[in-house]
């Protein structure tokens, strides 16, 4: 008899955790205020995305739009970005950077 009671208590415990998970899924995420703060691009970055102040998220979107429009993504290794004359200045003179390194290099041009 003691084993049956233990089994029943395990079932109720699993039901409680399942109901907590559904509550967490309904909560809407807030964007981080640091990402939404308008940043002013440097003149070299402004030549690529425009000189207006915009949040970091928009800067990344505009850079990706520029890369795709000018077909600067490497054909074989899609994680690499080939820099044209404008982006080479932003990338610190490098001809090719990874997409992860790109965000680090671009952040130096935001102020």
C-alpha atoms as a PDB file:
ATOM      1  CA  UNK A   1       0.000   0.000   0.000  1.00  0.00           C
ATOM      2  CA  UNK A   2       2.806   2.403   0.760  1.00  0.00           C
ATOM      3  CA  UNK A   3       4.136   2.151  -2.796  1.00  0.00           C
ATOM      4  CA  UNK A   4       0.772   3.125  -4.280  1.00  0.00           C
ATOM      5  CA  UNK A   5       0.661   6.326  -2.253  1.00  0.00           C
ATOM      6  CA  UNK A   6       4.166   7.283  -3.353  1.00  0.00           C
ATOM      7  CA  UNK A   7       3.268   6.723  -6.992  1.00  0.00           C
ATOM      8  CA  UNK A   8       0.177   8.897  -6.630  1.00  0.00           C
ATOM      9  CA  UNK A   9       2.175  11.730  -5.095  1.00  0.00           C
ATOM     10  CA  UNK A  10       4.655  11.622  -7.991  1.00  0.00           C
ATOM     11  CA  UNK A  11       1.823  12.032 -10.497  1.00  0.00           C
ATOM     12  CA  UNK A  12       0.460  15.104  -8.769  1.00  0.00           C
ATOM     13  CA  UNK A  13       3.923  16.646  -8.587  1.00  0.00           C
ATOM     14  CA  UNK A  14       4.395  16.281 -12.340  1.00  0.00           C
ATOM     15  CA  UNK A  15       1.008  17.917 -12.959  1.00  0.00           C
ATOM     16  CA  UNK A  16       1.999  20.938 -10.855  1.00  0.00           C
ATOM     17  CA  UNK A  17       5.232  21.509 -12.799  1.00  0.00           C
ATOM     18  CA  UNK A  18       3.391  21.207 -16.093  1.00  0.00           C
ATOM     19  CA  UNK A  19       0.925  23.930 -15.104  1.00  0.00           C
ATOM     20  CA  UNK A  20       3.801  26.242 -14.087  1.00  0.00           C
ATOM     21  CA  UNK A  21       5.426  25.836 -17.504  1.00  0.00           C
ATOM     22  CA  UNK A  22       2.286  26.966 -19.323  1.00  0.00           C
ATOM     23  CA  UNK A  23       2.093  30.109 -17.183  1.00  0.00           C
ATOM     24  CA  UNK A  24       5.693  31.047 -18.050  1.00  0.00           C
ATOM     25  CA  UNK A  25       5.029  30.611 -21.766  1.00  0.00           C
ATOM     26  CA  UNK A  26       2.211  33.197 -21.675  1.00  0.00           C
ATOM     27  CA  UNK A  27       4.411  35.969 -20.207  1.00  0.00           C
ATOM     28  CA  UNK A  28       5.532  38.348 -22.963  1.00  0.00           C
ATOM     29  CA  UNK A  29       9.240  39.301 -23.034  1.00  0.00           C
ATOM     30  CA  UNK A  30      10.262  42.928 -22.751  1.00  0.00           C
ATOM     31  CA  UNK A  31      13.092  44.177 -24.987  1.00  0.00           C
ATOM     32  CA  UNK A  32      16.292  45.124 -23.190  1.00  0.00           C
ATOM     33  CA  UNK A  33      16.463  48.912 -22.838  1.00  0.00           C
ATOM     34  CA  UNK A  34      20.180  48.941 -23.703  1.00  0.00           C
ATOM     35  CA  UNK A  35      19.449  47.482 -27.148  1.00  0.00           C
ATOM     36  CA  UNK A  36      16.687  49.994 -27.818  1.00  0.00           C
ATOM     37  CA  UNK A  37      18.730  53.104 -26.926  1.00  0.00           C
ATOM     38  CA  UNK A  38      19.423  55.188 -30.062  1.00  0.00           C
ATOM     39  CA  UNK A  39      23.127  55.190 -30.918  1.00  0.00           C
ATOM     40  CA  UNK A  40      24.870  57.610 -33.283  1.00  0.00           C
ATOM     41  CA  UNK A  41      27.008  55.871 -35.930  1.00  0.00           C
ATOM     42  CA  UNK A  42      30.502  57.094 -36.828  1.00  0.00           C
ATOM     43  CA  UNK A  43      30.935  58.773 -40.247  1.00  0.00           C
ATOM     44  CA  UNK A  44      32.439  55.582 -41.730  1.00  0.00           C
ATOM     45  CA  UNK A  45      29.533  53.442 -40.474  1.00  0.00           C
ATOM     46  CA  UNK A  46      27.087  56.189 -41.449  1.00  0.00           C
ATOM     47  CA  UNK A  47      28.230  55.796 -45.072  1.00  0.00           C
ATOM     48  CA  UNK A  48      26.875  52.230 -44.966  1.00  0.00           C
ATOM     49  CA  UNK A  49      23.683  52.509 -42.880  1.00  0.00           C
ATOM     50  CA  UNK A  50      22.888  56.238 -42.773  1.00  0.00           C
ATOM     51  CA  UNK A  51      23.865  58.960 -40.336  1.00  0.00           C
ATOM     52  CA  UNK A  52      20.662  58.963 -38.227  1.00  0.00           C
ATOM     53  CA  UNK A  53      20.735  57.702 -34.635  1.00  0.00           C
ATOM     54  CA  UNK A  54      19.119  54.268 -34.286  1.00  0.00           C
ATOM     55  CA  UNK A  55      19.050  51.322 -31.850  1.00  0.00           C
ATOM     56  CA  UNK A  56      21.685  48.570 -32.109  1.00  0.00           C
ATOM     57  CA  UNK A  57      19.081  46.143 -33.416  1.00  0.00           C
ATOM     58  CA  UNK A  58      18.306  48.425 -36.365  1.00  0.00           C
ATOM     59  CA  UNK A  59      22.024  48.948 -37.049  1.00  0.00           C
ATOM     60  CA  UNK A  60      22.496  45.180 -37.350  1.00  0.00           C
ATOM     61  CA  UNK A  61      19.446  44.850 -39.620  1.00  0.00           C
ATOM     62  CA  UNK A  62      20.676  47.634 -41.915  1.00  0.00           C
ATOM     63  CA  UNK A  63      24.183  46.166 -42.122  1.00  0.00           C
ATOM     64  CA  UNK A  64      22.745  42.785 -43.072  1.00  0.00           C
ATOM     65  CA  UNK A  65      20.516  44.423 -45.679  1.00  0.00           C
ATOM     66  CA  UNK A  66      23.610  46.142 -47.129  1.00  0.00           C
ATOM     67  CA  UNK A  67      25.563  42.859 -47.147  1.00  0.00           C
ATOM     68  CA  UNK A  68      22.772  40.955 -48.892  1.00  0.00           C
ATOM     69  CA  UNK A  69      22.057  43.769 -51.385  1.00  0.00           C
ATOM     70  CA  UNK A  70      25.715  43.904 -52.439  1.00  0.00           C
ATOM     71  CA  UNK A  71      26.189  40.093 -52.212  1.00  0.00           C
ATOM     72  CA  UNK A  72      29.083  40.358 -49.761  1.00  0.00           C
ATOM     73  CA  UNK A  73      28.413  37.074 -47.964  1.00  0.00           C
ATOM     74  CA  UNK A  74      31.040  34.463 -48.903  1.00  0.00           C
ATOM     75  CA  UNK A  75      29.623  31.846 -51.306  1.00  0.00           C
ATOM     76  CA  UNK A  76      31.420  28.823 -49.775  1.00  0.00           C
ATOM     77  CA  UNK A  77      31.500  29.765 -46.091  1.00  0.00           C
ATOM     78  CA  UNK A  78      28.273  31.717 -45.468  1.00  0.00           C
ATOM     79  CA  UNK A  79      29.439  32.775 -41.980  1.00  0.00           C
ATOM     80  CA  UNK A  80      32.120  34.987 -43.516  1.00  0.00           C
ATOM     81  CA  UNK A  81      31.506  38.471 -44.903  1.00  0.00           C
ATOM     82  CA  UNK A  82      33.695  39.895 -47.655  1.00  0.00           C
ATOM     83  CA  UNK A  83      34.238  43.603 -47.113  1.00  0.00           C
ATOM     84  CA  UNK A  84      33.869  46.154 -49.895  1.00  0.00           C
ATOM     85  CA  UNK A  85      35.539  49.590 -49.697  1.00  0.00           C
ATOM     86  CA  UNK A  86      32.941  51.049 -47.279  1.00  0.00           C
ATOM     87  CA  UNK A  87      32.849  48.035 -44.971  1.00  0.00           C
ATOM     88  CA  UNK A  88      36.627  47.610 -44.956  1.00  0.00           C
ATOM     89  CA  UNK A  89      36.892  50.916 -43.050  1.00  0.00           C
ATOM     90  CA  UNK A  90      34.280  49.744 -40.545  1.00  0.00           C
ATOM     91  CA  UNK A  91      36.001  46.334 -40.169  1.00  0.00           C
ATOM     92  CA  UNK A  92      39.351  47.929 -39.356  1.00  0.00           C
ATOM     93  CA  UNK A  93      40.972  47.222 -42.743  1.00  0.00           C
ATOM     94  CA  UNK A  94      40.139  43.498 -42.779  1.00  0.00           C
ATOM     95  CA  UNK A  95      39.077  41.979 -46.112  1.00  0.00           C
ATOM     96  CA  UNK A  96      36.960  39.252 -44.526  1.00  0.00           C
ATOM     97  CA  UNK A  97      35.349  38.860 -41.092  1.00  0.00           C
ATOM     98  CA  UNK A  98      32.996  36.330 -39.505  1.00  0.00           C
ATOM     99  CA  UNK A  99      29.427  37.391 -38.771  1.00  0.00           C
ATOM    100  CA  UNK A 100      30.161  37.115 -35.038  1.00  0.00           C
ATOM    101  CA  UNK A 101      33.256  39.288 -35.281  1.00  0.00           C
ATOM    102  CA  UNK A 102      31.271  41.807 -37.335  1.00  0.00           C
ATOM    103  CA  UNK A 103      29.063  42.837 -34.400  1.00  0.00           C
ATOM    104  CA  UNK A 104      32.126  43.397 -32.214  1.00  0.00           C
ATOM    105  CA  UNK A 105      33.780  45.588 -34.865  1.00  0.00           C
ATOM    106  CA  UNK A 106      30.589  47.550 -35.562  1.00  0.00           C
ATOM    107  CA  UNK A 107      30.050  48.323 -31.862  1.00  0.00           C
ATOM    108  CA  UNK A 108      33.290  50.337 -31.902  1.00  0.00           C
ATOM    109  CA  UNK A 109      31.660  52.699 -34.436  1.00  0.00           C
ATOM    110  CA  UNK A 110      28.579  53.409 -32.305  1.00  0.00           C
ATOM    111  CA  UNK A 111      28.616  56.199 -29.781  1.00  0.00           C
END
